[in-house]
C-alpha cells in the first residue's frame, strides 16, 4: 500500500499517542502501520476493520493528510423536519392547546390527559410520500 509522506513515521506515532478521540486515533494508527509497510489485510486484522476500510482511510490520508481522516459533516440521516417546519412546531408548542385542536389521546388506566404533540406534528407537517425531491 502506498502512503504519501505528509508526516514522518515518528510524527504519526506521536499523533496516535496524543489523540483522545478513539475514531481518529484508529485512523491515524492505520496510516502509521501502512507507513511501516504492513499490508492492508494485516492492518485490518489488527484493528478489526475490513481491508477495504483500511484502504479507504489510507486513500483519504493520501489526498488530504490528517484533515482527510476527520469525520465529514453531513453524514447520517436527513432531518425529519425542514427548518420552516421545525419553527412552526416550536411556535405551535409554545402557544399550547387551542380551541378546535384534536382531543389528546388518553393513556389507559391513568388520570392524565395524554399527549397532544404528535397531533400537532400532523397539523404542521402533512404526510408526504418522500423527503427527497
N, C-alpha and C. Protein backbone atom coordinates (compact mmCIF):
# COMPACT_ATOMS: atom_id res chain seq x y z
N UNK A 1 0.85 -1.18 0.00
CA UNK A 1 0.00 0.00 0.00
C UNK A 1 0.89 1.23 0.00
N UNK A 2 0.59 2.17 -0.86
CA UNK A 2 1.38 3.40 -0.96
C UNK A 2 0.79 4.45 -0.03
N UNK A 3 1.68 5.11 0.73
CA UNK A 3 1.25 6.17 1.63
C UNK A 3 2.07 7.41 1.32
N UNK A 4 1.39 8.52 1.06
CA UNK A 4 2.06 9.79 0.80
C UNK A 4 2.72 10.26 2.10
N UNK A 5 3.92 10.81 1.99
CA UNK A 5 4.68 11.22 3.18
C UNK A 5 4.28 12.62 3.64
N UNK A 6 3.06 12.76 4.12
CA UNK A 6 2.65 14.04 4.72
C UNK A 6 3.37 14.24 6.04
N UNK A 7 3.59 13.12 6.75
CA UNK A 7 4.24 13.15 8.07
C UNK A 7 5.19 11.96 8.16
N UNK A 8 6.19 12.12 9.04
CA UNK A 8 7.13 11.02 9.24
C UNK A 8 6.46 9.92 10.07
N UNK A 9 7.09 8.76 10.10
CA UNK A 9 6.58 7.65 10.91
C UNK A 9 6.53 8.06 12.38
N UNK A 10 7.55 8.77 12.82
CA UNK A 10 7.61 9.21 14.23
C UNK A 10 6.49 10.21 14.54
N UNK A 11 6.21 11.11 13.60
CA UNK A 11 5.13 12.07 13.82
C UNK A 11 3.78 11.35 13.90
N UNK A 12 3.57 10.39 13.02
CA UNK A 12 2.31 9.63 13.06
C UNK A 12 2.16 8.89 14.38
N UNK A 13 3.26 8.32 14.88
CA UNK A 13 3.21 7.63 16.17
C UNK A 13 2.84 8.61 17.28
N UNK A 14 3.43 9.80 17.26
CA UNK A 14 3.12 10.82 18.26
C UNK A 14 1.67 11.27 18.17
N UNK A 15 1.19 11.51 16.93
CA UNK A 15 -0.21 11.90 16.75
C UNK A 15 -1.13 10.82 17.31
N UNK A 16 -0.81 9.56 17.03
CA UNK A 16 -1.62 8.45 17.51
C UNK A 16 -1.65 8.43 19.05
N UNK A 17 -0.50 8.58 19.66
CA UNK A 17 -0.41 8.51 21.12
C UNK A 17 -1.11 9.67 21.81
N UNK A 18 -1.17 10.82 21.15
CA UNK A 18 -1.77 12.01 21.77
C UNK A 18 -3.25 12.19 21.45
N UNK A 19 -3.72 11.49 20.43
CA UNK A 19 -5.13 11.67 20.02
C UNK A 19 -6.07 11.08 21.06
N UNK A 20 -7.05 11.89 21.48
CA UNK A 20 -8.00 11.45 22.51
C UNK A 20 -9.28 10.87 21.91
N UNK A 21 -9.62 11.26 20.69
CA UNK A 21 -10.82 10.74 20.05
C UNK A 21 -10.51 9.37 19.45
N UNK A 22 -11.23 8.35 19.90
CA UNK A 22 -10.92 6.96 19.53
C UNK A 22 -10.99 6.73 18.02
N UNK A 23 -12.00 7.25 17.38
CA UNK A 23 -12.14 7.01 15.93
C UNK A 23 -10.98 7.60 15.14
N UNK A 24 -10.59 8.81 15.49
CA UNK A 24 -9.49 9.45 14.79
C UNK A 24 -8.17 8.74 15.11
N UNK A 25 -7.99 8.32 16.36
CA UNK A 25 -6.77 7.58 16.73
C UNK A 25 -6.66 6.29 15.92
N UNK A 26 -7.78 5.61 15.71
CA UNK A 26 -7.79 4.38 14.91
C UNK A 26 -7.33 4.66 13.49
N UNK A 27 -7.81 5.75 12.93
CA UNK A 27 -7.47 6.11 11.56
C UNK A 27 -5.99 6.47 11.43
N UNK A 28 -5.48 7.21 12.43
CA UNK A 28 -4.05 7.55 12.43
C UNK A 28 -3.22 6.27 12.56
N UNK A 29 -3.66 5.34 13.40
CA UNK A 29 -2.95 4.07 13.57
C UNK A 29 -2.87 3.32 12.24
N UNK A 30 -3.96 3.33 11.50
CA UNK A 30 -3.98 2.66 10.19
C UNK A 30 -2.88 3.23 9.29
N UNK A 31 -2.82 4.57 9.21
CA UNK A 31 -1.83 5.22 8.35
C UNK A 31 -0.42 4.94 8.86
N UNK A 32 -0.24 5.02 10.16
CA UNK A 32 1.06 4.75 10.77
C UNK A 32 1.54 3.34 10.42
N UNK A 33 0.64 2.36 10.56
CA UNK A 33 1.01 0.98 10.25
C UNK A 33 1.29 0.80 8.76
N UNK A 34 0.54 1.49 7.92
CA UNK A 34 0.78 1.42 6.48
C UNK A 34 2.15 2.02 6.14
N UNK A 35 2.53 3.09 6.84
CA UNK A 35 3.86 3.68 6.63
C UNK A 35 4.96 2.74 7.09
N UNK A 36 4.66 1.85 8.04
CA UNK A 36 5.62 0.84 8.50
C UNK A 36 5.65 -0.37 7.56
N UNK A 37 4.93 -0.25 6.44
CA UNK A 37 4.89 -1.25 5.37
C UNK A 37 4.11 -2.52 5.71
N UNK A 38 3.13 -2.39 6.61
CA UNK A 38 2.22 -3.51 6.86
C UNK A 38 1.19 -3.51 5.74
N UNK A 39 0.68 -4.67 5.40
CA UNK A 39 -0.32 -4.76 4.32
C UNK A 39 -1.71 -4.41 4.85
N UNK A 40 -2.61 -4.11 3.94
CA UNK A 40 -3.98 -3.79 4.33
C UNK A 40 -4.64 -4.94 5.09
N UNK A 41 -4.49 -6.20 4.65
CA UNK A 41 -5.10 -7.29 5.43
C UNK A 41 -4.50 -7.42 6.83
N UNK A 42 -3.20 -7.19 6.98
CA UNK A 42 -2.57 -7.26 8.31
C UNK A 42 -3.12 -6.16 9.22
N UNK A 43 -3.20 -4.97 8.68
CA UNK A 43 -3.72 -3.83 9.45
C UNK A 43 -5.19 -4.06 9.81
N UNK A 44 -5.95 -4.53 8.85
CA UNK A 44 -7.38 -4.79 9.08
C UNK A 44 -7.58 -5.81 10.19
N UNK A 45 -6.79 -6.85 10.17
CA UNK A 45 -6.90 -7.89 11.21
C UNK A 45 -6.52 -7.31 12.57
N UNK A 46 -5.50 -6.47 12.61
CA UNK A 46 -5.04 -5.90 13.86
C UNK A 46 -5.99 -4.90 14.48
N UNK A 47 -6.80 -4.25 13.66
CA UNK A 47 -7.68 -3.20 14.18
C UNK A 47 -9.15 -3.60 14.16
N UNK A 48 -9.47 -4.72 13.51
CA UNK A 48 -10.85 -5.17 13.49
C UNK A 48 -11.72 -4.45 12.47
N UNK A 49 -11.13 -4.08 11.35
CA UNK A 49 -11.88 -3.44 10.26
C UNK A 49 -11.69 -4.28 9.01
N UNK A 50 -12.44 -3.94 7.99
CA UNK A 50 -12.27 -4.63 6.72
C UNK A 50 -11.03 -4.10 6.00
N UNK A 51 -10.50 -4.90 5.12
CA UNK A 51 -9.37 -4.49 4.30
C UNK A 51 -9.73 -3.25 3.50
N UNK A 52 -10.94 -3.24 2.99
CA UNK A 52 -11.40 -2.11 2.17
C UNK A 52 -11.46 -0.82 2.98
N UNK A 53 -11.89 -0.89 4.24
CA UNK A 53 -11.95 0.29 5.09
C UNK A 53 -10.54 0.83 5.34
N UNK A 54 -9.60 -0.06 5.57
CA UNK A 54 -8.21 0.34 5.76
C UNK A 54 -7.70 1.06 4.52
N UNK A 55 -7.99 0.51 3.35
CA UNK A 55 -7.57 1.15 2.10
C UNK A 55 -8.22 2.51 1.92
N UNK A 56 -9.47 2.63 2.30
CA UNK A 56 -10.19 3.90 2.16
C UNK A 56 -9.58 4.97 3.06
N UNK A 57 -9.26 4.62 4.32
CA UNK A 57 -8.66 5.62 5.22
C UNK A 57 -7.27 6.01 4.75
N UNK A 58 -6.55 5.07 4.18
CA UNK A 58 -5.22 5.39 3.63
C UNK A 58 -5.37 6.32 2.43
N UNK A 59 -6.34 6.05 1.58
CA UNK A 59 -6.59 6.91 0.43
C UNK A 59 -6.95 8.32 0.87
N UNK A 60 -7.81 8.42 1.89
CA UNK A 60 -8.20 9.75 2.38
C UNK A 60 -7.02 10.50 2.98
N UNK A 61 -6.12 9.79 3.67
CA UNK A 61 -4.91 10.42 4.19
C UNK A 61 -4.03 10.88 3.02
N UNK A 62 -3.90 10.05 2.01
CA UNK A 62 -3.06 10.39 0.86
C UNK A 62 -3.53 11.67 0.18
N UNK A 63 -4.84 11.84 0.08
CA UNK A 63 -5.36 13.03 -0.62
C UNK A 63 -5.50 14.24 0.29
N UNK A 64 -5.68 14.04 1.60
CA UNK A 64 -5.95 15.19 2.48
C UNK A 64 -5.11 15.29 3.73
N UNK A 65 -4.12 14.42 3.90
CA UNK A 65 -3.33 14.46 5.13
C UNK A 65 -4.19 14.11 6.34
N UNK A 66 -3.80 14.63 7.50
CA UNK A 66 -4.57 14.35 8.72
C UNK A 66 -6.00 14.87 8.62
N UNK A 67 -6.19 15.98 7.91
CA UNK A 67 -7.55 16.53 7.74
C UNK A 67 -8.44 15.53 7.01
N UNK A 68 -7.87 14.72 6.14
CA UNK A 68 -8.65 13.72 5.42
C UNK A 68 -9.18 12.60 6.31
N UNK A 69 -8.61 12.49 7.51
CA UNK A 69 -9.06 11.45 8.44
C UNK A 69 -10.21 11.90 9.33
N UNK A 70 -10.55 13.18 9.26
CA UNK A 70 -11.64 13.71 10.07
C UNK A 70 -12.98 13.18 9.55
N UNK A 71 -13.94 13.06 10.44
CA UNK A 71 -15.29 12.68 10.04
C UNK A 71 -15.91 13.85 9.27
N UNK A 72 -16.46 13.55 8.14
CA UNK A 72 -17.08 14.59 7.31
C UNK A 72 -18.45 14.94 7.85
N UNK A 73 -18.77 16.22 7.78
CA UNK A 73 -20.12 16.62 8.21
C UNK A 73 -21.11 16.22 7.12
N UNK A 74 -22.35 16.16 7.50
CA UNK A 74 -23.37 15.81 6.53
C UNK A 74 -23.63 14.32 6.42
N UNK A 75 -22.95 13.55 7.23
CA UNK A 75 -23.17 12.12 7.23
C UNK A 75 -24.41 11.83 8.08
N UNK A 76 -25.09 10.79 7.77
CA UNK A 76 -26.23 10.39 8.58
C UNK A 76 -27.56 10.74 7.95
N UNK A 77 -28.57 10.56 8.74
CA UNK A 77 -29.94 10.69 8.30
C UNK A 77 -30.33 12.15 8.09
N UNK A 78 -31.21 12.39 7.11
CA UNK A 78 -31.75 13.72 6.88
C UNK A 78 -32.66 14.08 8.05
N UNK A 79 -32.75 15.37 8.40
CA UNK A 79 -33.67 15.78 9.47
C UNK A 79 -35.11 15.43 9.09
N UNK A 80 -35.90 15.11 10.11
CA UNK A 80 -37.30 14.78 9.86
C UNK A 80 -38.10 16.00 9.44
N UNK A 81 -37.74 17.16 9.98
CA UNK A 81 -38.47 18.40 9.67
C UNK A 81 -37.54 19.38 8.98
N UNK A 82 -38.08 20.16 8.04
CA UNK A 82 -37.31 21.25 7.46
C UNK A 82 -37.20 22.35 8.52
N UNK A 83 -36.37 23.34 8.27
CA UNK A 83 -36.21 24.43 9.23
C UNK A 83 -37.54 25.17 9.43
N UNK A 84 -38.28 25.38 8.36
CA UNK A 84 -39.57 26.07 8.46
C UNK A 84 -40.56 25.25 9.29
N UNK A 85 -40.57 23.94 9.06
CA UNK A 85 -41.47 23.06 9.83
C UNK A 85 -41.07 23.04 11.30
N UNK A 86 -39.76 23.01 11.57
CA UNK A 86 -39.29 23.00 12.95
C UNK A 86 -39.73 24.27 13.67
N UNK A 87 -39.61 25.41 13.00
CA UNK A 87 -40.03 26.68 13.60
C UNK A 87 -41.54 26.70 13.83
N UNK A 88 -42.31 26.16 12.89
CA UNK A 88 -43.77 26.13 13.04
C UNK A 88 -44.17 25.25 14.22
N UNK A 89 -43.50 24.10 14.37
CA UNK A 89 -43.79 23.22 15.51
C UNK A 89 -43.43 23.91 16.82
N UNK A 90 -42.27 24.56 16.86
CA UNK A 90 -41.84 25.24 18.08
C UNK A 90 -42.85 26.32 18.47
N UNK A 91 -43.30 27.10 17.49
CA UNK A 91 -44.29 28.16 17.78
C UNK A 91 -45.60 27.55 18.25
N UNK A 92 -46.02 26.50 17.58
CA UNK A 92 -47.30 25.86 17.93
C UNK A 92 -47.25 25.27 19.33
N UNK A 93 -46.13 24.69 19.70
CA UNK A 93 -45.98 24.12 21.04
C UNK A 93 -45.94 25.22 22.10
N UNK A 94 -45.30 26.34 21.78
CA UNK A 94 -45.27 27.47 22.71
C UNK A 94 -46.68 28.02 22.94
N UNK A 95 -47.49 28.03 21.89
CA UNK A 95 -48.85 28.54 22.00
C UNK A 95 -49.74 27.65 22.86
N UNK A 96 -49.43 26.39 22.94
CA UNK A 96 -50.22 25.45 23.74
C UNK A 96 -51.49 25.02 23.03
N UNK A 97 -52.28 24.13 23.67
CA UNK A 97 -53.52 23.65 23.06
C UNK A 97 -54.49 24.81 22.83
N UNK A 98 -55.22 24.72 21.73
CA UNK A 98 -56.17 25.77 21.39
C UNK A 98 -57.52 25.15 21.07
N UNK A 99 -58.54 25.99 21.13
CA UNK A 99 -59.89 25.52 20.79
C UNK A 99 -59.87 25.02 19.35
N UNK A 100 -60.52 23.90 19.13
CA UNK A 100 -60.58 23.32 17.80
C UNK A 100 -59.47 22.31 17.53
N UNK A 101 -58.50 22.20 18.44
CA UNK A 101 -57.46 21.19 18.27
C UNK A 101 -58.06 19.80 18.49
N UNK A 102 -57.51 18.79 17.85
CA UNK A 102 -57.97 17.44 18.14
C UNK A 102 -57.75 17.13 19.63
N UNK A 103 -58.63 16.33 20.16
CA UNK A 103 -58.50 15.97 21.57
C UNK A 103 -57.28 15.08 21.76
N UNK A 104 -56.56 15.30 22.85
CA UNK A 104 -55.41 14.43 23.11
C UNK A 104 -55.88 13.02 23.39
N UNK A 105 -55.06 12.09 23.02
CA UNK A 105 -55.42 10.72 23.33
C UNK A 105 -55.04 10.45 24.77
N UNK A 106 -55.91 9.75 25.47
CA UNK A 106 -55.68 9.48 26.89
C UNK A 106 -54.93 8.17 27.06
N UNK A 107 -54.13 8.13 28.07
CA UNK A 107 -53.42 6.90 28.40
C UNK A 107 -54.36 6.01 29.22
N UNK A 108 -54.43 4.73 28.89
CA UNK A 108 -55.32 3.85 29.65
C UNK A 108 -54.92 3.76 31.12
N UNK A 109 -55.92 3.68 31.97
CA UNK A 109 -55.72 3.48 33.40
C UNK A 109 -54.92 4.60 34.07
N UNK A 110 -55.00 5.81 33.55
CA UNK A 110 -54.33 6.94 34.20
C UNK A 110 -55.29 8.10 34.26
N UNK A 111 -54.95 9.05 35.08
CA UNK A 111 -55.76 10.26 35.19
C UNK A 111 -55.20 11.40 34.35
N UNK A 112 -54.15 11.13 33.57
CA UNK A 112 -53.56 12.19 32.77
C UNK A 112 -54.34 12.36 31.47
N UNK A 113 -54.22 13.53 30.92
CA UNK A 113 -54.97 13.82 29.70
C UNK A 113 -54.27 13.34 28.44
N UNK A 114 -53.07 12.88 28.54
CA UNK A 114 -52.37 12.36 27.38
C UNK A 114 -51.47 13.39 26.73
N UNK A 115 -51.07 13.11 25.55
CA UNK A 115 -50.10 13.94 24.85
C UNK A 115 -50.70 14.43 23.53
N UNK A 116 -50.58 15.71 23.26
CA UNK A 116 -51.13 16.24 22.02
C UNK A 116 -50.04 16.58 21.01
N UNK A 117 -48.76 16.41 21.37
CA UNK A 117 -47.66 16.76 20.48
C UNK A 117 -47.71 16.01 19.15
N UNK A 118 -47.91 14.67 19.12
CA UNK A 118 -47.96 14.01 17.81
C UNK A 118 -49.07 14.55 16.91
N UNK A 119 -50.15 14.97 17.51
CA UNK A 119 -51.24 15.52 16.71
C UNK A 119 -50.89 16.90 16.17
N UNK A 120 -50.08 17.66 16.93
CA UNK A 120 -49.61 18.95 16.44
C UNK A 120 -48.72 18.73 15.23
N UNK A 121 -47.87 17.73 15.29
CA UNK A 121 -47.00 17.43 14.16
C UNK A 121 -47.81 17.14 12.91
N UNK A 122 -48.91 16.43 13.06
CA UNK A 122 -49.76 16.14 11.90
C UNK A 122 -50.39 17.40 11.32
N UNK A 123 -50.70 18.36 12.19
CA UNK A 123 -51.28 19.61 11.72
C UNK A 123 -50.25 20.45 10.97
N UNK A 124 -49.02 20.45 11.46
CA UNK A 124 -47.98 21.30 10.90
C UNK A 124 -47.35 20.68 9.66
N UNK A 125 -47.17 19.37 9.68
CA UNK A 125 -46.46 18.70 8.59
C UNK A 125 -47.35 17.63 7.99
N UNK A 126 -47.97 17.91 6.87
CA UNK A 126 -48.81 16.89 6.23
C UNK A 126 -47.96 15.70 5.80
N UNK A 127 -48.58 14.55 5.73
CA UNK A 127 -47.89 13.33 5.35
C UNK A 127 -47.37 13.45 3.93
N UNK A 128 -46.13 12.99 3.73
CA UNK A 128 -45.51 13.02 2.41
C UNK A 128 -45.09 11.63 2.01
N UNK A 129 -45.00 11.42 0.73
CA UNK A 129 -44.58 10.11 0.25
C UNK A 129 -43.06 9.97 0.30
N UNK A 130 -42.32 11.09 0.15
CA UNK A 130 -40.86 11.00 0.15
C UNK A 130 -40.28 12.34 0.57
N UNK A 131 -39.16 12.32 1.32
CA UNK A 131 -38.47 13.53 1.74
C UNK A 131 -37.66 14.12 0.59
N UNK A 132 -37.16 13.28 -0.29
CA UNK A 132 -36.30 13.75 -1.38
C UNK A 132 -37.13 14.09 -2.59
N UNK A 133 -36.79 15.20 -3.21
CA UNK A 133 -37.49 15.56 -4.44
C UNK A 133 -36.55 16.07 -5.48
